[in-house]
mmCIF file of all heavy atoms, coordinates in Angstrom:
data_MODEL
# 
_entry.id   MODEL 
# 
loop_
_atom_site.group_PDB 
_atom_site.id 
_atom_site.type_symbol 
_atom_site.label_atom_id 
_atom_site.label_alt_id 
_atom_site.label_comp_id 
_atom_site.label_asym_id 
_atom_site.label_entity_id 
_atom_site.label_seq_id 
_atom_site.pdbx_PDB_ins_code 
_atom_site.Cartn_x 
_atom_site.Cartn_y 
_atom_site.Cartn_z 
_atom_site.occupancy 
_atom_site.B_iso_or_equiv 
_atom_site.pdbx_formal_charge 
_atom_site.auth_seq_id 
_atom_site.auth_comp_id 
_atom_site.auth_asym_id 
_atom_site.auth_atom_id 
_atom_site.pdbx_PDB_model_num 
ATOM 1   N N   . VAL A 1 1  ? 108.551 95.067  83.695 1.00 0.00 ? 1  VAL A N   1 
ATOM 2   C CA  . VAL A 1 1  ? 109.513 94.270  84.266 1.00 0.00 ? 1  VAL A CA  1 
ATOM 3   C C   . VAL A 1 1  ? 110.849 94.432  83.357 1.00 0.00 ? 1  VAL A C   1 
ATOM 4   O O   . VAL A 1 1  ? 110.734 94.257  82.080 1.00 0.00 ? 1  VAL A O   1 
ATOM 5   C CB  . VAL A 1 1  ? 109.079 92.847  84.363 1.00 0.00 ? 1  VAL A CB  1 
ATOM 6   C CG1 . VAL A 1 1  ? 110.250 91.898  84.900 1.00 0.00 ? 1  VAL A CG1 1 
ATOM 7   C CG2 . VAL A 1 1  ? 107.968 92.657  85.032 1.00 0.00 ? 1  VAL A CG2 1 
ATOM 8   N N   . SER A 1 2  ? 111.906 94.574  83.907 1.00 0.00 ? 2  SER A N   1 
ATOM 9   C CA  . SER A 1 2  ? 113.125 94.684  83.045 1.00 0.00 ? 2  SER A CA  1 
ATOM 10  C C   . SER A 1 2  ? 114.221 93.671  83.597 1.00 0.00 ? 2  SER A C   1 
ATOM 11  O O   . SER A 1 2  ? 114.333 93.475  84.810 1.00 0.00 ? 2  SER A O   1 
ATOM 12  C CB  . SER A 1 2  ? 113.752 96.168  83.356 1.00 0.00 ? 2  SER A CB  1 
ATOM 13  O OG  . SER A 1 2  ? 115.108 96.296  82.715 1.00 0.00 ? 2  SER A OG  1 
ATOM 14  N N   . SER A 1 3  ? 114.874 93.126  82.649 1.00 0.00 ? 3  SER A N   1 
ATOM 15  C CA  . SER A 1 3  ? 115.935 92.084  82.941 1.00 0.00 ? 3  SER A CA  1 
ATOM 16  C C   . SER A 1 3  ? 117.241 92.827  83.248 1.00 0.00 ? 3  SER A C   1 
ATOM 17  O O   . SER A 1 3  ? 118.204 92.176  83.631 1.00 0.00 ? 3  SER A O   1 
ATOM 18  C CB  . SER A 1 3  ? 116.110 91.216  81.756 1.00 0.00 ? 3  SER A CB  1 
ATOM 19  O OG  . SER A 1 3  ? 116.492 91.791  80.635 1.00 0.00 ? 3  SER A OG  1 
ATOM 20  N N   . ARG A 1 4  ? 117.178 94.192  83.013 1.00 0.00 ? 4  ARG A N   1 
ATOM 21  C CA  . ARG A 1 4  ? 118.528 94.833  83.228 1.00 0.00 ? 4  ARG A CA  1 
ATOM 22  C C   . ARG A 1 4  ? 118.236 96.168  84.101 1.00 0.00 ? 4  ARG A C   1 
ATOM 23  O O   . ARG A 1 4  ? 117.244 97.087  83.613 1.00 0.00 ? 4  ARG A O   1 
ATOM 24  C CB  . ARG A 1 4  ? 119.200 95.319  82.001 1.00 0.00 ? 4  ARG A CB  1 
ATOM 25  C CG  . ARG A 1 4  ? 119.682 94.015  81.047 1.00 0.00 ? 4  ARG A CG  1 
ATOM 26  C CD  . ARG A 1 4  ? 120.094 94.590  79.730 1.00 0.00 ? 4  ARG A CD  1 
ATOM 27  N NE  . ARG A 1 4  ? 120.433 93.381  78.873 1.00 0.00 ? 4  ARG A NE  1 
ATOM 28  C CZ  . ARG A 1 4  ? 120.777 93.592  77.672 1.00 0.00 ? 4  ARG A CZ  1 
ATOM 29  N NH1 . ARG A 1 4  ? 120.667 94.708  77.018 1.00 0.00 ? 4  ARG A NH1 1 
ATOM 30  N NH2 . ARG A 1 4  ? 121.143 92.519  76.839 1.00 0.00 ? 4  ARG A NH2 1 
ATOM 31  N N   . PRO A 1 5  ? 118.947 96.446  85.108 1.00 0.00 ? 5  PRO A N   1 
ATOM 32  C CA  . PRO A 1 5  ? 118.602 97.591  85.992 1.00 0.00 ? 5  PRO A CA  1 
ATOM 33  C C   . PRO A 1 5  ? 119.044 98.865  85.204 1.00 0.00 ? 5  PRO A C   1 
ATOM 34  O O   . PRO A 1 5  ? 118.546 100.014 85.605 1.00 0.00 ? 5  PRO A O   1 
ATOM 35  C CB  . PRO A 1 5  ? 119.549 97.485  87.207 1.00 0.00 ? 5  PRO A CB  1 
ATOM 36  C CG  . PRO A 1 5  ? 120.606 96.461  86.809 1.00 0.00 ? 5  PRO A CG  1 
ATOM 37  C CD  . PRO A 1 5  ? 119.967 95.512  85.760 1.00 0.00 ? 5  PRO A CD  1 
ATOM 38  N N   . SER A 1 6  ? 119.851 98.785  84.174 1.00 0.00 ? 6  SER A N   1 
ATOM 39  C CA  . SER A 1 6  ? 120.241 100.043 83.502 1.00 0.00 ? 6  SER A CA  1 
ATOM 40  C C   . SER A 1 6  ? 119.427 100.237 82.304 1.00 0.00 ? 6  SER A C   1 
ATOM 41  O O   . SER A 1 6  ? 119.606 101.287 81.516 1.00 0.00 ? 6  SER A O   1 
ATOM 42  C CB  . SER A 1 6  ? 121.664 99.774  82.914 1.00 0.00 ? 6  SER A CB  1 
ATOM 43  O OG  . SER A 1 6  ? 121.835 98.670  82.100 1.00 0.00 ? 6  SER A OG  1 
ATOM 44  N N   . ALA A 1 7  ? 118.372 99.469  82.021 1.00 0.00 ? 7  ALA A N   1 
ATOM 45  C CA  . ALA A 1 7  ? 117.530 99.671  80.889 1.00 0.00 ? 7  ALA A CA  1 
ATOM 46  C C   . ALA A 1 7  ? 116.841 101.079 80.968 1.00 0.00 ? 7  ALA A C   1 
ATOM 47  O O   . ALA A 1 7  ? 116.163 101.451 81.818 1.00 0.00 ? 7  ALA A O   1 
ATOM 48  C CB  . ALA A 1 7  ? 116.512 98.672  80.747 1.00 0.00 ? 7  ALA A CB  1 
ATOM 49  N N   . LYS A 1 8  ? 117.035 101.811 79.814 1.00 0.00 ? 8  LYS A N   1 
ATOM 50  C CA  . LYS A 1 8  ? 116.486 103.133 79.806 1.00 0.00 ? 8  LYS A CA  1 
ATOM 51  C C   . LYS A 1 8  ? 114.876 103.186 79.783 1.00 0.00 ? 8  LYS A C   1 
ATOM 52  O O   . LYS A 1 8  ? 114.218 104.094 80.171 1.00 0.00 ? 8  LYS A O   1 
ATOM 53  C CB  . LYS A 1 8  ? 116.836 103.900 78.490 1.00 0.00 ? 8  LYS A CB  1 
ATOM 54  C CG  . LYS A 1 8  ? 118.334 104.230 78.626 1.00 0.00 ? 8  LYS A CG  1 
ATOM 55  C CD  . LYS A 1 8  ? 118.820 104.946 77.366 1.00 0.00 ? 8  LYS A CD  1 
ATOM 56  C CE  . LYS A 1 8  ? 120.273 105.332 77.380 1.00 0.00 ? 8  LYS A CE  1 
ATOM 57  N NZ  . LYS A 1 8  ? 120.701 106.063 76.053 1.00 0.00 ? 8  LYS A NZ  1 
ATOM 58  N N   . GLY A 1 9  ? 114.317 101.980 79.415 1.00 0.00 ? 9  GLY A N   1 
ATOM 59  C CA  . GLY A 1 9  ? 112.900 101.899 79.462 1.00 0.00 ? 9  GLY A CA  1 
ATOM 60  C C   . GLY A 1 9  ? 112.344 101.961 80.813 1.00 0.00 ? 9  GLY A C   1 
ATOM 61  O O   . GLY A 1 9  ? 111.037 102.445 80.953 1.00 0.00 ? 9  GLY A O   1 
ATOM 62  N N   . LEU A 1 10 ? 113.103 101.717 81.853 1.00 0.00 ? 10 LEU A N   1 
ATOM 63  C CA  . LEU A 1 10 ? 112.691 102.001 83.177 1.00 0.00 ? 10 LEU A CA  1 
ATOM 64  C C   . LEU A 1 10 ? 112.351 103.382 83.528 1.00 0.00 ? 10 LEU A C   1 
ATOM 65  O O   . LEU A 1 10 ? 111.334 103.800 84.178 1.00 0.00 ? 10 LEU A O   1 
ATOM 66  C CB  . LEU A 1 10 ? 113.707 101.442 84.215 1.00 0.00 ? 10 LEU A CB  1 
ATOM 67  C CG  . LEU A 1 10 ? 113.869 99.832  84.277 1.00 0.00 ? 10 LEU A CG  1 
ATOM 68  C CD1 . LEU A 1 10 ? 115.071 99.465  85.050 1.00 0.00 ? 10 LEU A CD1 1 
ATOM 69  C CD2 . LEU A 1 10 ? 112.519 99.195  84.848 1.00 0.00 ? 10 LEU A CD2 1 
ATOM 70  N N   . GLN A 1 11 ? 113.178 104.309 82.954 1.00 0.00 ? 11 GLN A N   1 
ATOM 71  C CA  . GLN A 1 11 ? 112.985 105.683 83.065 1.00 0.00 ? 11 GLN A CA  1 
ATOM 72  C C   . GLN A 1 11 ? 111.606 106.155 82.385 1.00 0.00 ? 11 GLN A C   1 
ATOM 73  O O   . GLN A 1 11 ? 110.996 107.039 82.919 1.00 0.00 ? 11 GLN A O   1 
ATOM 74  C CB  . GLN A 1 11 ? 114.132 106.446 82.607 1.00 0.00 ? 11 GLN A CB  1 
ATOM 75  C CG  . GLN A 1 11 ? 115.367 106.167 83.331 1.00 0.00 ? 11 GLN A CG  1 
ATOM 76  C CD  . GLN A 1 11 ? 116.605 106.808 82.649 1.00 0.00 ? 11 GLN A CD  1 
ATOM 77  O OE1 . GLN A 1 11 ? 116.545 107.728 81.860 1.00 0.00 ? 11 GLN A OE1 1 
ATOM 78  N NE2 . GLN A 1 11 ? 117.878 106.224 82.924 1.00 0.00 ? 11 GLN A NE2 1 
ATOM 79  N N   . ARG A 1 12 ? 111.402 105.581 81.232 1.00 0.00 ? 12 ARG A N   1 
ATOM 80  C CA  . ARG A 1 12 ? 110.157 105.901 80.495 1.00 0.00 ? 12 ARG A CA  1 
ATOM 81  C C   . ARG A 1 12 ? 108.979 105.497 81.416 1.00 0.00 ? 12 ARG A C   1 
ATOM 82  O O   . ARG A 1 12 ? 108.002 106.241 81.497 1.00 0.00 ? 12 ARG A O   1 
ATOM 83  C CB  . ARG A 1 12 ? 110.173 105.165 79.168 1.00 0.00 ? 12 ARG A CB  1 
ATOM 84  C CG  . ARG A 1 12 ? 111.243 105.565 78.249 1.00 0.00 ? 12 ARG A CG  1 
ATOM 85  C CD  . ARG A 1 12 ? 111.110 104.676 76.921 1.00 0.00 ? 12 ARG A CD  1 
ATOM 86  N NE  . ARG A 1 12 ? 112.272 104.952 76.093 1.00 0.00 ? 12 ARG A NE  1 
ATOM 87  C CZ  . ARG A 1 12 ? 112.360 105.821 75.090 1.00 0.00 ? 12 ARG A CZ  1 
ATOM 88  N NH1 . ARG A 1 12 ? 111.323 106.697 74.929 1.00 0.00 ? 12 ARG A NH1 1 
ATOM 89  N NH2 . ARG A 1 12 ? 113.428 105.917 74.361 1.00 0.00 ? 12 ARG A NH2 1 
ATOM 90  N N   . ALA A 1 13 ? 109.093 104.299 81.933 1.00 0.00 ? 13 ALA A N   1 
ATOM 91  C CA  . ALA A 1 13 ? 107.944 103.800 82.839 1.00 0.00 ? 13 ALA A CA  1 
ATOM 92  C C   . ALA A 1 13 ? 107.684 104.764 83.984 1.00 0.00 ? 13 ALA A C   1 
ATOM 93  O O   . ALA A 1 13 ? 106.559 105.048 84.390 1.00 0.00 ? 13 ALA A O   1 
ATOM 94  C CB  . ALA A 1 13 ? 108.232 102.440 83.225 1.00 0.00 ? 13 ALA A CB  1 
ATOM 95  N N   . GLU A 1 14 ? 108.855 105.076 84.747 1.00 0.00 ? 14 GLU A N   1 
ATOM 96  C CA  . GLU A 1 14 ? 108.723 105.828 85.857 1.00 0.00 ? 14 GLU A CA  1 
ATOM 97  C C   . GLU A 1 14 ? 108.151 107.300 85.569 1.00 0.00 ? 14 GLU A C   1 
ATOM 98  O O   . GLU A 1 14 ? 107.405 107.771 86.367 1.00 0.00 ? 14 GLU A O   1 
ATOM 99  C CB  . GLU A 1 14 ? 110.146 106.002 86.497 1.00 0.00 ? 14 GLU A CB  1 
ATOM 100 C CG  . GLU A 1 14 ? 110.548 104.636 87.083 1.00 0.00 ? 14 GLU A CG  1 
ATOM 101 C CD  . GLU A 1 14 ? 112.065 104.578 87.387 1.00 0.00 ? 14 GLU A CD  1 
ATOM 102 O OE1 . GLU A 1 14 ? 112.712 105.513 87.148 1.00 0.00 ? 14 GLU A OE1 1 
ATOM 103 O OE2 . GLU A 1 14 ? 112.540 103.534 87.942 1.00 0.00 ? 14 GLU A OE2 1 
ATOM 104 N N   . ARG A 1 15 ? 108.566 107.864 84.454 1.00 0.00 ? 15 ARG A N   1 
ATOM 105 C CA  . ARG A 1 15 ? 108.073 109.043 83.963 1.00 0.00 ? 15 ARG A CA  1 
ATOM 106 C C   . ARG A 1 15 ? 106.578 109.172 83.790 1.00 0.00 ? 15 ARG A C   1 
ATOM 107 O O   . ARG A 1 15 ? 105.818 110.065 84.030 1.00 0.00 ? 15 ARG A O   1 
ATOM 108 C CB  . ARG A 1 15 ? 108.715 109.656 82.745 1.00 0.00 ? 15 ARG A CB  1 
ATOM 109 C CG  . ARG A 1 15 ? 110.191 110.211 82.933 1.00 0.00 ? 15 ARG A CG  1 
ATOM 110 C CD  . ARG A 1 15 ? 110.622 111.017 81.808 1.00 0.00 ? 15 ARG A CD  1 
ATOM 111 N NE  . ARG A 1 15 ? 110.732 110.282 80.565 1.00 0.00 ? 15 ARG A NE  1 
ATOM 112 C CZ  . ARG A 1 15 ? 111.870 109.635 80.130 1.00 0.00 ? 15 ARG A CZ  1 
ATOM 113 N NH1 . ARG A 1 15 ? 112.893 109.631 80.944 1.00 0.00 ? 15 ARG A NH1 1 
ATOM 114 N NH2 . ARG A 1 15 ? 111.763 108.967 79.063 1.00 0.00 ? 15 ARG A NH2 1 
ATOM 115 N N   . ALA A 1 16 ? 106.074 107.839 83.455 1.00 0.00 ? 16 ALA A N   1 
ATOM 116 C CA  . ALA A 1 16 ? 104.635 107.663 83.070 1.00 0.00 ? 16 ALA A CA  1 
ATOM 117 C C   . ALA A 1 16 ? 103.862 107.238 84.394 1.00 0.00 ? 16 ALA A C   1 
ATOM 118 O O   . ALA A 1 16 ? 102.671 107.019 84.315 1.00 0.00 ? 16 ALA A O   1 
ATOM 119 C CB  . ALA A 1 16 ? 104.369 106.700 81.988 1.00 0.00 ? 16 ALA A CB  1 
ATOM 120 N N   . GLY A 1 17 ? 104.562 107.123 85.438 1.00 0.00 ? 17 GLY A N   1 
ATOM 121 C CA  . GLY A 1 17 ? 103.988 106.775 86.701 1.00 0.00 ? 17 GLY A CA  1 
ATOM 122 C C   . GLY A 1 17 ? 103.530 105.308 86.778 1.00 0.00 ? 17 GLY A C   1 
ATOM 123 O O   . GLY A 1 17 ? 102.788 104.877 87.551 1.00 0.00 ? 17 GLY A O   1 
ATOM 124 N N   . ILE A 1 18 ? 104.280 104.476 86.014 1.00 0.00 ? 18 ILE A N   1 
ATOM 125 C CA  . ILE A 1 18 ? 104.102 103.010 86.037 1.00 0.00 ? 18 ILE A CA  1 
ATOM 126 C C   . ILE A 1 18 ? 105.031 102.195 86.989 1.00 0.00 ? 18 ILE A C   1 
ATOM 127 O O   . ILE A 1 18 ? 106.218 102.607 86.932 1.00 0.00 ? 18 ILE A O   1 
ATOM 128 C CB  . ILE A 1 18 ? 104.208 102.354 84.590 1.00 0.00 ? 18 ILE A CB  1 
ATOM 129 C CG1 . ILE A 1 18 ? 103.331 103.195 83.658 1.00 0.00 ? 18 ILE A CG1 1 
ATOM 130 C CG2 . ILE A 1 18 ? 104.038 100.943 84.528 1.00 0.00 ? 18 ILE A CG2 1 
ATOM 131 C CD1 . ILE A 1 18 ? 103.637 102.920 82.030 1.00 0.00 ? 18 ILE A CD1 1 
ATOM 132 N N   . GLN A 1 19 ? 104.594 101.363 87.691 1.00 0.00 ? 19 GLN A N   1 
ATOM 133 C CA  . GLN A 1 19 ? 105.399 100.595 88.641 1.00 0.00 ? 19 GLN A CA  1 
ATOM 134 C C   . GLN A 1 19 ? 106.333 99.747  87.848 1.00 0.00 ? 19 GLN A C   1 
ATOM 135 O O   . GLN A 1 19 ? 105.983 99.060  86.769 1.00 0.00 ? 19 GLN A O   1 
ATOM 136 C CB  . GLN A 1 19 ? 104.481 99.771  89.609 1.00 0.00 ? 19 GLN A CB  1 
ATOM 137 C CG  . GLN A 1 19 ? 105.368 99.066  90.665 1.00 0.00 ? 19 GLN A CG  1 
ATOM 138 C CD  . GLN A 1 19 ? 104.409 98.527  91.824 1.00 0.00 ? 19 GLN A CD  1 
ATOM 139 O OE1 . GLN A 1 19 ? 103.161 98.861  91.877 1.00 0.00 ? 19 GLN A OE1 1 
ATOM 140 N NE2 . GLN A 1 19 ? 105.065 97.706  92.646 1.00 0.00 ? 19 GLN A NE2 1 
ATOM 141 N N   . THR A 1 20 ? 107.546 99.497  88.487 1.00 0.00 ? 20 THR A N   1 
ATOM 142 C CA  . THR A 1 20 ? 108.521 98.724  87.708 1.00 0.00 ? 20 THR A CA  1 
ATOM 143 C C   . THR A 1 20 ? 109.063 97.669  88.629 1.00 0.00 ? 20 THR A C   1 
ATOM 144 O O   . THR A 1 20 ? 109.027 97.733  89.872 1.00 0.00 ? 20 THR A O   1 
ATOM 145 C CB  . THR A 1 20 ? 109.715 99.526  87.203 1.00 0.00 ? 20 THR A CB  1 
ATOM 146 O OG1 . THR A 1 20 ? 110.333 100.246 88.287 1.00 0.00 ? 20 THR A OG1 1 
ATOM 147 C CG2 . THR A 1 20 ? 109.230 100.758 86.212 1.00 0.00 ? 20 THR A CG2 1 
ATOM 148 N N   . LEU A 1 21 ? 109.611 96.706  87.991 1.00 0.00 ? 21 LEU A N   1 
ATOM 149 C CA  . LEU A 1 21 ? 110.364 95.620  88.648 1.00 0.00 ? 21 LEU A CA  1 
ATOM 150 C C   . LEU A 1 21 ? 111.611 95.200  87.998 1.00 0.00 ? 21 LEU A C   1 
ATOM 151 O O   . LEU A 1 21 ? 111.495 94.891  86.758 1.00 0.00 ? 21 LEU A O   1 
ATOM 152 C CB  . LEU A 1 21 ? 109.391 94.366  88.850 1.00 0.00 ? 21 LEU A CB  1 
ATOM 153 C CG  . LEU A 1 21 ? 110.020 93.131  89.392 1.00 0.00 ? 21 LEU A CG  1 
ATOM 154 C CD1 . LEU A 1 21 ? 110.411 93.255  90.820 1.00 0.00 ? 21 LEU A CD1 1 
ATOM 155 C CD2 . LEU A 1 21 ? 109.062 91.907  89.116 1.00 0.00 ? 21 LEU A CD2 1 
ATOM 156 N N   . THR A 1 22 ? 112.774 95.138  88.697 1.00 0.00 ? 22 THR A N   1 
ATOM 157 C CA  . THR A 1 22 ? 113.995 94.597  88.138 1.00 0.00 ? 22 THR A CA  1 
ATOM 158 C C   . THR A 1 22 ? 114.539 93.542  89.024 1.00 0.00 ? 22 THR A C   1 
ATOM 159 O O   . THR A 1 22 ? 114.605 93.756  90.226 1.00 0.00 ? 22 THR A O   1 
ATOM 160 C CB  . THR A 1 22 ? 115.009 95.719  87.971 1.00 0.00 ? 22 THR A CB  1 
ATOM 161 O OG1 . THR A 1 22 ? 114.508 96.828  87.161 1.00 0.00 ? 22 THR A OG1 1 
ATOM 162 C CG2 . THR A 1 22 ? 116.287 95.278  87.313 1.00 0.00 ? 22 THR A CG2 1 
ATOM 163 N N   . LEU A 1 23 ? 114.754 92.357  88.484 1.00 0.00 ? 23 LEU A N   1 
ATOM 164 C CA  . LEU A 1 23 ? 115.182 91.350  89.171 1.00 0.00 ? 23 LEU A CA  1 
ATOM 165 C C   . LEU A 1 23 ? 116.822 91.284  89.260 1.00 0.00 ? 23 LEU A C   1 
ATOM 166 O O   . LEU A 1 23 ? 117.492 91.741  88.331 1.00 0.00 ? 23 LEU A O   1 
ATOM 167 C CB  . LEU A 1 23 ? 114.814 89.957  88.607 1.00 0.00 ? 23 LEU A CB  1 
ATOM 168 C CG  . LEU A 1 23 ? 113.292 89.674  88.656 1.00 0.00 ? 23 LEU A CG  1 
ATOM 169 C CD1 . LEU A 1 23 ? 112.920 88.306  88.239 1.00 0.00 ? 23 LEU A CD1 1 
ATOM 170 C CD2 . LEU A 1 23 ? 112.639 90.023  90.040 1.00 0.00 ? 23 LEU A CD2 1 
ATOM 171 N N   . SER A 1 24 ? 117.363 90.826  90.212 1.00 0.00 ? 24 SER A N   1 
ATOM 172 C CA  . SER A 1 24 ? 118.913 90.673  90.272 1.00 0.00 ? 24 SER A CA  1 
ATOM 173 C C   . SER A 1 24 ? 119.430 89.773  89.445 1.00 0.00 ? 24 SER A C   1 
ATOM 174 O O   . SER A 1 24 ? 118.718 88.696  88.997 1.00 0.00 ? 24 SER A O   1 
ATOM 175 C CB  . SER A 1 24 ? 119.376 90.428  91.764 1.00 0.00 ? 24 SER A CB  1 
ATOM 176 O OG  . SER A 1 24 ? 118.947 89.049  92.166 1.00 0.00 ? 24 SER A OG  1 
ATOM 177 N N   . LYS A 1 25 ? 120.708 89.853  89.189 1.00 0.00 ? 25 LYS A N   1 
ATOM 178 C CA  . LYS A 1 25 ? 121.398 88.700  88.207 1.00 0.00 ? 25 LYS A CA  1 
ATOM 179 C C   . LYS A 1 25 ? 121.353 87.362  89.004 1.00 0.00 ? 25 LYS A C   1 
ATOM 180 O O   . LYS A 1 25 ? 121.293 86.452  88.354 1.00 0.00 ? 25 LYS A O   1 
ATOM 181 C CB  . LYS A 1 25 ? 122.882 89.220  88.073 1.00 0.00 ? 25 LYS A CB  1 
ATOM 182 C CG  . LYS A 1 25 ? 123.051 90.340  87.218 1.00 0.00 ? 25 LYS A CG  1 
ATOM 183 C CD  . LYS A 1 25 ? 124.425 90.693  86.913 1.00 0.00 ? 25 LYS A CD  1 
ATOM 184 C CE  . LYS A 1 25 ? 124.656 91.920  85.949 1.00 0.00 ? 25 LYS A CE  1 
ATOM 185 N NZ  . LYS A 1 25 ? 126.159 92.208  85.806 1.00 0.00 ? 25 LYS A NZ  1 
ATOM 186 N N   . GLU A 1 26 ? 121.385 87.384  90.279 1.00 0.00 ? 26 GLU A N   1 
ATOM 187 C CA  . GLU A 1 26 ? 121.405 86.069  91.042 1.00 0.00 ? 26 GLU A CA  1 
ATOM 188 C C   . GLU A 1 26 ? 120.008 85.378  90.850 1.00 0.00 ? 26 GLU A C   1 
ATOM 189 O O   . GLU A 1 26 ? 119.966 84.193  90.652 1.00 0.00 ? 26 GLU A O   1 
ATOM 190 C CB  . GLU A 1 26 ? 121.644 86.308  92.577 1.00 0.00 ? 26 GLU A CB  1 
ATOM 191 C CG  . GLU A 1 26 ? 122.986 86.813  92.896 1.00 0.00 ? 26 GLU A CG  1 
ATOM 192 C CD  . GLU A 1 26 ? 123.297 88.265  92.518 1.00 0.00 ? 26 GLU A CD  1 
ATOM 193 O OE1 . GLU A 1 26 ? 122.258 89.024  92.334 1.00 0.00 ? 26 GLU A OE1 1 
ATOM 194 O OE2 . GLU A 1 26 ? 124.434 88.615  92.527 1.00 0.00 ? 26 GLU A OE2 1 
ATOM 195 N N   . ILE A 1 27 ? 118.892 86.028  90.823 1.00 0.00 ? 27 ILE A N   1 
ATOM 196 C CA  . ILE A 1 27 ? 117.698 85.462  90.443 1.00 0.00 ? 27 ILE A CA  1 
ATOM 197 C C   . ILE A 1 27 ? 117.528 85.021  89.090 1.00 0.00 ? 27 ILE A C   1 
ATOM 198 O O   . ILE A 1 27 ? 117.181 83.970  88.758 1.00 0.00 ? 27 ILE A O   1 
ATOM 199 C CB  . ILE A 1 27 ? 116.491 86.418  90.872 1.00 0.00 ? 27 ILE A CB  1 
ATOM 200 C CG1 . ILE A 1 27 ? 116.495 86.559  92.252 1.00 0.00 ? 27 ILE A CG1 1 
ATOM 201 C CG2 . ILE A 1 27 ? 115.179 85.778  90.397 1.00 0.00 ? 27 ILE A CG2 1 
ATOM 202 C CD1 . ILE A 1 27 ? 115.375 87.633  92.744 1.00 0.00 ? 27 ILE A CD1 1 
ATOM 203 N N   . TYR A 1 28 ? 118.039 85.895  88.088 1.00 0.00 ? 28 TYR A N   1 
ATOM 204 C CA  . TYR A 1 28 ? 118.049 85.539  86.684 1.00 0.00 ? 28 TYR A CA  1 
ATOM 205 C C   . TYR A 1 28 ? 118.921 84.402  86.400 1.00 0.00 ? 28 TYR A C   1 
ATOM 206 O O   . TYR A 1 28 ? 118.771 83.750  85.341 1.00 0.00 ? 28 TYR A O   1 
ATOM 207 C CB  . TYR A 1 28 ? 118.343 86.686  85.844 1.00 0.00 ? 28 TYR A CB  1 
ATOM 208 C CG  . TYR A 1 28 ? 117.112 87.517  85.428 1.00 0.00 ? 28 TYR A CG  1 
ATOM 209 C CD1 . TYR A 1 28 ? 116.999 88.814  85.726 1.00 0.00 ? 28 TYR A CD1 1 
ATOM 210 C CD2 . TYR A 1 28 ? 116.188 86.872  84.781 1.00 0.00 ? 28 TYR A CD2 1 
ATOM 211 C CE1 . TYR A 1 28 ? 115.852 89.550  85.289 1.00 0.00 ? 28 TYR A CE1 1 
ATOM 212 C CE2 . TYR A 1 28 ? 114.980 87.594  84.279 1.00 0.00 ? 28 TYR A CE2 1 
ATOM 213 C CZ  . TYR A 1 28 ? 115.040 88.882  84.543 1.00 0.00 ? 28 TYR A CZ  1 
ATOM 214 O OH  . TYR A 1 28 ? 113.760 89.608  84.261 1.00 0.00 ? 28 TYR A OH  1 
ATOM 215 N N   . ALA A 1 29 ? 119.871 84.018  87.338 1.00 0.00 ? 29 ALA A N   1 
ATOM 216 C CA  . ALA A 1 29 ? 120.826 82.901  87.080 1.00 0.00 ? 29 ALA A CA  1 
ATOM 217 C C   . ALA A 1 29 ? 119.873 81.595  86.942 1.00 0.00 ? 29 ALA A C   1 
ATOM 218 O O   . ALA A 1 29 ? 120.425 80.673  86.375 1.00 0.00 ? 29 ALA A O   1 
ATOM 219 C CB  . ALA A 1 29 ? 121.905 82.873  88.113 1.00 0.00 ? 29 ALA A CB  1 
# 
């Protein structure tokens, strides 16, 4: 789970075949 859609860690997860979730700023508000 990433708090930022631009987080480079998301790419690491995707390369490893791990499912990811990023919430919108509106939800995080």
